[in-house]
Amino acid sequence: MAVVTVTKDNFDSVVLNSDTPVLVDFWATWCGPCRMVSPVVDEIGDESNGSYKVGKVNVDDQPELAARYNVMSIPTLMVFKNGKPAQTSVGVRSKQDIKSMLG
């Protein structure tokens, strides 16, 4: 499944109302570590087989969402389960570390 661009307009439907876990990558174009983790997040999205979703929030375009979830540093990865943040990770992580958050 492809990675979804998440905005304040679709956040509730894509993330909060999802019946599967959702990995959300809070990032920005100018962020070097974000550019390092982005291809890994894309790979994880491609491997989902419907068991989870992956979305990306550009914090420059969606500052309300970043503020709502107290994102102070990027990249911040959050896994939402049942409409609530279940796990959070800040900074570059390995693919295995990120996938383990979804488990």
N, C-alpha and C. Protein backbone atom coordinates (compact mmCIF):
# COMPACT_ATOMS: atom_id res chain seq x y z
N MET A 1 0.85 -1.18 0.00
CA MET A 1 0.00 0.00 0.00
C MET A 1 0.89 1.24 0.00
N ALA A 2 0.51 2.20 -0.78
CA ALA A 2 1.30 3.42 -0.91
C ALA A 2 1.20 4.27 0.36
N VAL A 3 2.20 5.09 0.54
CA VAL A 3 2.21 6.03 1.66
C VAL A 3 1.24 7.17 1.34
N VAL A 4 0.44 7.55 2.33
CA VAL A 4 -0.58 8.59 2.16
C VAL A 4 -0.05 9.91 2.70
N THR A 5 -0.26 10.98 1.96
CA THR A 5 0.04 12.32 2.47
C THR A 5 -1.10 12.71 3.40
N VAL A 6 -0.76 12.98 4.64
CA VAL A 6 -1.77 13.28 5.65
C VAL A 6 -1.81 14.79 5.89
N THR A 7 -3.02 15.33 5.90
CA THR A 7 -3.25 16.75 6.16
C THR A 7 -4.29 16.88 7.27
N LYS A 8 -4.51 18.09 7.71
CA LYS A 8 -5.53 18.28 8.75
C LYS A 8 -6.92 17.89 8.21
N ASP A 9 -7.10 17.96 6.89
CA ASP A 9 -8.39 17.63 6.30
C ASP A 9 -8.68 16.13 6.27
N ASN A 10 -7.64 15.30 6.15
CA ASN A 10 -7.88 13.86 6.08
C ASN A 10 -7.33 13.09 7.28
N PHE A 11 -6.77 13.80 8.27
CA PHE A 11 -6.14 13.13 9.41
C PHE A 11 -7.12 12.21 10.14
N ASP A 12 -8.30 12.70 10.44
CA ASP A 12 -9.27 11.88 11.18
C ASP A 12 -9.62 10.61 10.41
N SER A 13 -9.92 10.75 9.12
CA SER A 13 -10.33 9.57 8.35
C SER A 13 -9.18 8.60 8.12
N VAL A 14 -7.98 9.10 7.85
CA VAL A 14 -6.84 8.22 7.55
C VAL A 14 -6.24 7.63 8.83
N VAL A 15 -6.10 8.43 9.86
CA VAL A 15 -5.36 8.01 11.05
C VAL A 15 -6.28 7.62 12.21
N LEU A 16 -7.09 8.56 12.67
CA LEU A 16 -7.85 8.32 13.90
C LEU A 16 -8.95 7.28 13.73
N ASN A 17 -9.56 7.21 12.55
CA ASN A 17 -10.66 6.27 12.33
C ASN A 17 -10.21 4.98 11.65
N SER A 18 -8.91 4.74 11.59
CA SER A 18 -8.38 3.54 10.95
C SER A 18 -8.65 2.31 11.81
N ASP A 19 -9.00 1.20 11.15
CA ASP A 19 -9.18 -0.05 11.89
C ASP A 19 -7.88 -0.85 11.98
N THR A 20 -6.80 -0.30 11.41
CA THR A 20 -5.48 -0.91 11.52
C THR A 20 -4.51 0.13 12.09
N PRO A 21 -3.37 -0.31 12.63
CA PRO A 21 -2.38 0.66 13.12
C PRO A 21 -1.90 1.57 11.99
N VAL A 22 -1.55 2.80 12.33
CA VAL A 22 -1.07 3.77 11.34
C VAL A 22 0.26 4.34 11.82
N LEU A 23 1.28 4.20 10.96
CA LEU A 23 2.58 4.83 11.21
C LEU A 23 2.55 6.20 10.55
N VAL A 24 2.77 7.25 11.34
CA VAL A 24 2.77 8.61 10.82
C VAL A 24 4.17 9.20 10.97
N ASP A 25 4.71 9.67 9.85
CA ASP A 25 6.03 10.29 9.80
C ASP A 25 5.84 11.80 9.73
N PHE A 26 6.22 12.51 10.81
CA PHE A 26 6.21 13.98 10.82
C PHE A 26 7.58 14.42 10.32
N TRP A 27 7.61 15.19 9.21
CA TRP A 27 8.86 15.51 8.54
C TRP A 27 8.79 16.90 7.91
N ALA A 28 9.91 17.34 7.32
CA ALA A 28 9.96 18.58 6.54
C ALA A 28 11.02 18.42 5.45
N THR A 29 10.86 19.16 4.36
CA THR A 29 11.76 19.02 3.21
C THR A 29 13.19 19.45 3.54
N TRP A 30 13.36 20.41 4.44
CA TRP A 30 14.68 20.94 4.76
C TRP A 30 15.44 20.09 5.79
N CYS A 31 14.82 19.05 6.30
CA CYS A 31 15.37 18.25 7.39
C CYS A 31 16.20 17.08 6.85
N GLY A 32 17.52 17.13 7.08
CA GLY A 32 18.41 16.08 6.61
C GLY A 32 18.07 14.70 7.15
N PRO A 33 17.90 14.55 8.48
CA PRO A 33 17.54 13.24 9.01
C PRO A 33 16.19 12.73 8.45
N CYS A 34 15.28 13.65 8.17
CA CYS A 34 13.99 13.26 7.57
C CYS A 34 14.22 12.62 6.21
N ARG A 35 15.14 13.19 5.44
CA ARG A 35 15.45 12.64 4.11
C ARG A 35 16.11 11.27 4.22
N MET A 36 16.79 11.03 5.34
CA MET A 36 17.41 9.71 5.55
C MET A 36 16.36 8.65 5.89
N VAL A 37 15.38 9.00 6.69
CA VAL A 37 14.39 8.02 7.14
C VAL A 37 13.24 7.86 6.15
N SER A 38 13.02 8.84 5.29
CA SER A 38 11.89 8.80 4.36
C SER A 38 11.85 7.56 3.46
N PRO A 39 12.98 7.17 2.83
CA PRO A 39 12.93 5.96 1.99
C PRO A 39 12.60 4.70 2.78
N VAL A 40 13.02 4.65 4.04
CA VAL A 40 12.72 3.51 4.89
C VAL A 40 11.22 3.46 5.18
N VAL A 41 10.64 4.61 5.48
CA VAL A 41 9.21 4.69 5.73
C VAL A 41 8.43 4.29 4.47
N ASP A 42 8.91 4.73 3.31
CA ASP A 42 8.28 4.34 2.05
C ASP A 42 8.31 2.83 1.86
N GLU A 43 9.45 2.21 2.15
CA GLU A 43 9.56 0.74 2.03
C GLU A 43 8.58 0.04 2.95
N ILE A 44 8.48 0.52 4.18
CA ILE A 44 7.56 -0.08 5.14
C ILE A 44 6.13 0.04 4.63
N GLY A 45 5.81 1.19 4.03
CA GLY A 45 4.48 1.37 3.45
C GLY A 45 4.21 0.39 2.32
N ASP A 46 5.22 0.17 1.48
CA ASP A 46 5.07 -0.76 0.36
C ASP A 46 4.88 -2.20 0.83
N GLU A 47 5.37 -2.51 2.02
CA GLU A 47 5.30 -3.88 2.54
C GLU A 47 4.09 -4.15 3.42
N SER A 48 3.18 -3.20 3.57
CA SER A 48 2.12 -3.32 4.57
C SER A 48 1.12 -4.44 4.33
N ASN A 49 0.79 -4.73 3.09
CA ASN A 49 -0.21 -5.77 2.77
C ASN A 49 -1.54 -5.56 3.51
N GLY A 50 -1.86 -4.30 3.82
CA GLY A 50 -3.13 -4.01 4.46
C GLY A 50 -3.17 -4.22 5.96
N SER A 51 -2.07 -4.69 6.55
CA SER A 51 -2.09 -4.94 8.00
C SER A 51 -1.87 -3.65 8.80
N TYR A 52 -1.41 -2.60 8.14
CA TYR A 52 -1.25 -1.29 8.75
C TYR A 52 -1.19 -0.26 7.63
N LYS A 53 -1.28 1.01 8.00
CA LYS A 53 -1.18 2.11 7.04
C LYS A 53 0.05 2.96 7.38
N VAL A 54 0.53 3.69 6.38
CA VAL A 54 1.65 4.61 6.59
C VAL A 54 1.28 5.96 5.99
N GLY A 55 1.48 7.01 6.78
CA GLY A 55 1.19 8.36 6.31
C GLY A 55 2.33 9.30 6.66
N LYS A 56 2.39 10.40 5.92
CA LYS A 56 3.41 11.41 6.18
C LYS A 56 2.75 12.78 6.36
N VAL A 57 3.22 13.49 7.37
CA VAL A 57 2.74 14.84 7.66
C VAL A 57 3.91 15.80 7.49
N ASN A 58 3.81 16.71 6.52
CA ASN A 58 4.81 17.76 6.36
C ASN A 58 4.50 18.84 7.40
N VAL A 59 5.38 18.99 8.39
CA VAL A 59 5.10 19.90 9.50
C VAL A 59 5.08 21.37 9.07
N ASP A 60 5.73 21.70 7.97
CA ASP A 60 5.66 23.07 7.47
C ASP A 60 4.29 23.37 6.87
N ASP A 61 3.70 22.38 6.23
CA ASP A 61 2.37 22.55 5.62
C ASP A 61 1.24 22.32 6.61
N GLN A 62 1.52 21.55 7.66
CA GLN A 62 0.48 21.16 8.62
C GLN A 62 0.92 21.45 10.07
N PRO A 63 1.20 22.72 10.38
CA PRO A 63 1.70 23.02 11.73
C PRO A 63 0.69 22.69 12.83
N GLU A 64 -0.62 22.70 12.48
CA GLU A 64 -1.64 22.39 13.49
C GLU A 64 -1.50 20.95 13.98
N LEU A 65 -1.22 20.04 13.05
CA LEU A 65 -1.08 18.63 13.44
C LEU A 65 0.18 18.43 14.27
N ALA A 66 1.26 19.08 13.89
CA ALA A 66 2.49 18.98 14.66
C ALA A 66 2.26 19.50 16.09
N ALA A 67 1.58 20.61 16.21
CA ALA A 67 1.31 21.19 17.54
C ALA A 67 0.36 20.28 18.34
N ARG A 68 -0.64 19.74 17.67
CA ARG A 68 -1.64 18.88 18.33
C ARG A 68 -0.98 17.68 19.01
N TYR A 69 0.09 17.16 18.39
CA TYR A 69 0.76 15.98 18.92
C TYR A 69 2.14 16.30 19.51
N ASN A 70 2.36 17.59 19.83
CA ASN A 70 3.58 18.04 20.52
C ASN A 70 4.86 17.60 19.82
N VAL A 71 4.87 17.68 18.50
CA VAL A 71 6.07 17.33 17.74
C VAL A 71 7.03 18.52 17.83
N MET A 72 8.12 18.29 18.55
CA MET A 72 9.11 19.35 18.77
C MET A 72 10.35 19.16 17.91
N SER A 73 10.67 17.91 17.58
CA SER A 73 11.83 17.58 16.76
C SER A 73 11.38 16.65 15.65
N ILE A 74 12.06 16.75 14.52
CA ILE A 74 11.72 15.86 13.41
C ILE A 74 12.99 15.18 12.91
N PRO A 75 12.88 14.00 12.34
CA PRO A 75 11.64 13.26 12.13
C PRO A 75 11.09 12.68 13.44
N THR A 76 9.77 12.76 13.57
CA THR A 76 9.07 12.08 14.65
C THR A 76 8.17 11.04 13.99
N LEU A 77 8.29 9.81 14.45
CA LEU A 77 7.44 8.73 13.97
C LEU A 77 6.48 8.36 15.08
N MET A 78 5.18 8.31 14.76
CA MET A 78 4.16 7.93 15.74
C MET A 78 3.32 6.81 15.17
N VAL A 79 3.05 5.84 16.01
CA VAL A 79 2.12 4.78 15.63
C VAL A 79 0.83 5.03 16.39
N PHE A 80 -0.26 5.13 15.64
CA PHE A 80 -1.59 5.31 16.21
C PHE A 80 -2.33 3.98 16.17
N LYS A 81 -2.92 3.62 17.31
CA LYS A 81 -3.75 2.43 17.38
C LYS A 81 -5.06 2.83 18.05
N ASN A 82 -6.17 2.42 17.45
CA ASN A 82 -7.49 2.76 17.98
C ASN A 82 -7.66 4.26 18.19
N GLY A 83 -7.10 5.05 17.26
CA GLY A 83 -7.28 6.50 17.30
C GLY A 83 -6.40 7.24 18.29
N LYS A 84 -5.46 6.55 18.91
CA LYS A 84 -4.60 7.20 19.91
C LYS A 84 -3.13 6.89 19.63
N PRO A 85 -2.24 7.84 19.95
CA PRO A 85 -0.81 7.56 19.79
C PRO A 85 -0.40 6.42 20.74
N ALA A 86 0.19 5.38 20.19
CA ALA A 86 0.60 4.23 21.00
C ALA A 86 2.11 4.20 21.21
N GLN A 87 2.88 4.66 20.20
CA GLN A 87 4.33 4.67 20.30
C GLN A 87 4.86 5.90 19.56
N THR A 88 5.95 6.44 20.07
CA THR A 88 6.59 7.59 19.44
C THR A 88 8.10 7.38 19.42
N SER A 89 8.71 7.79 18.32
CA SER A 89 10.16 7.71 18.17
C SER A 89 10.63 8.99 17.50
N VAL A 90 11.70 9.58 18.01
CA VAL A 90 12.26 10.80 17.43
C VAL A 90 13.65 10.50 16.89
N GLY A 91 13.90 10.96 15.67
CA GLY A 91 15.21 10.77 15.07
C GLY A 91 15.22 9.60 14.10
N VAL A 92 16.38 9.36 13.53
CA VAL A 92 16.54 8.29 12.54
C VAL A 92 16.58 6.96 13.27
N ARG A 93 15.80 6.01 12.76
CA ARG A 93 15.74 4.66 13.31
C ARG A 93 15.92 3.66 12.19
N SER A 94 16.33 2.46 12.54
CA SER A 94 16.47 1.40 11.54
C SER A 94 15.08 0.92 11.11
N LYS A 95 15.05 0.30 9.96
CA LYS A 95 13.79 -0.25 9.46
C LYS A 95 13.19 -1.23 10.47
N GLN A 96 14.02 -2.07 11.04
CA GLN A 96 13.53 -3.05 12.01
C GLN A 96 12.95 -2.36 13.26
N ASP A 97 13.62 -1.31 13.73
CA ASP A 97 13.10 -0.57 14.90
C ASP A 97 11.75 0.05 14.59
N ILE A 98 11.61 0.60 13.40
CA ILE A 98 10.34 1.23 13.02
C ILE A 98 9.24 0.18 12.89
N LYS A 99 9.56 -0.92 12.22
CA LYS A 99 8.55 -1.99 12.05
C LYS A 99 8.14 -2.58 13.41
N SER A 100 9.06 -2.64 14.36
CA SER A 100 8.72 -3.20 15.66
C SER A 100 7.72 -2.32 16.39
N MET A 101 7.68 -1.03 16.07
CA MET A 101 6.69 -0.12 16.67
C MET A 101 5.27 -0.50 16.26
N LEU A 102 5.13 -1.10 15.09
CA LEU A 102 3.82 -1.47 14.58
C LEU A 102 3.28 -2.77 15.17
N GLY A 103 4.16 -3.56 15.77
CA GLY A 103 3.80 -4.88 16.26
C GLY A 103 2.88 -4.91 17.44
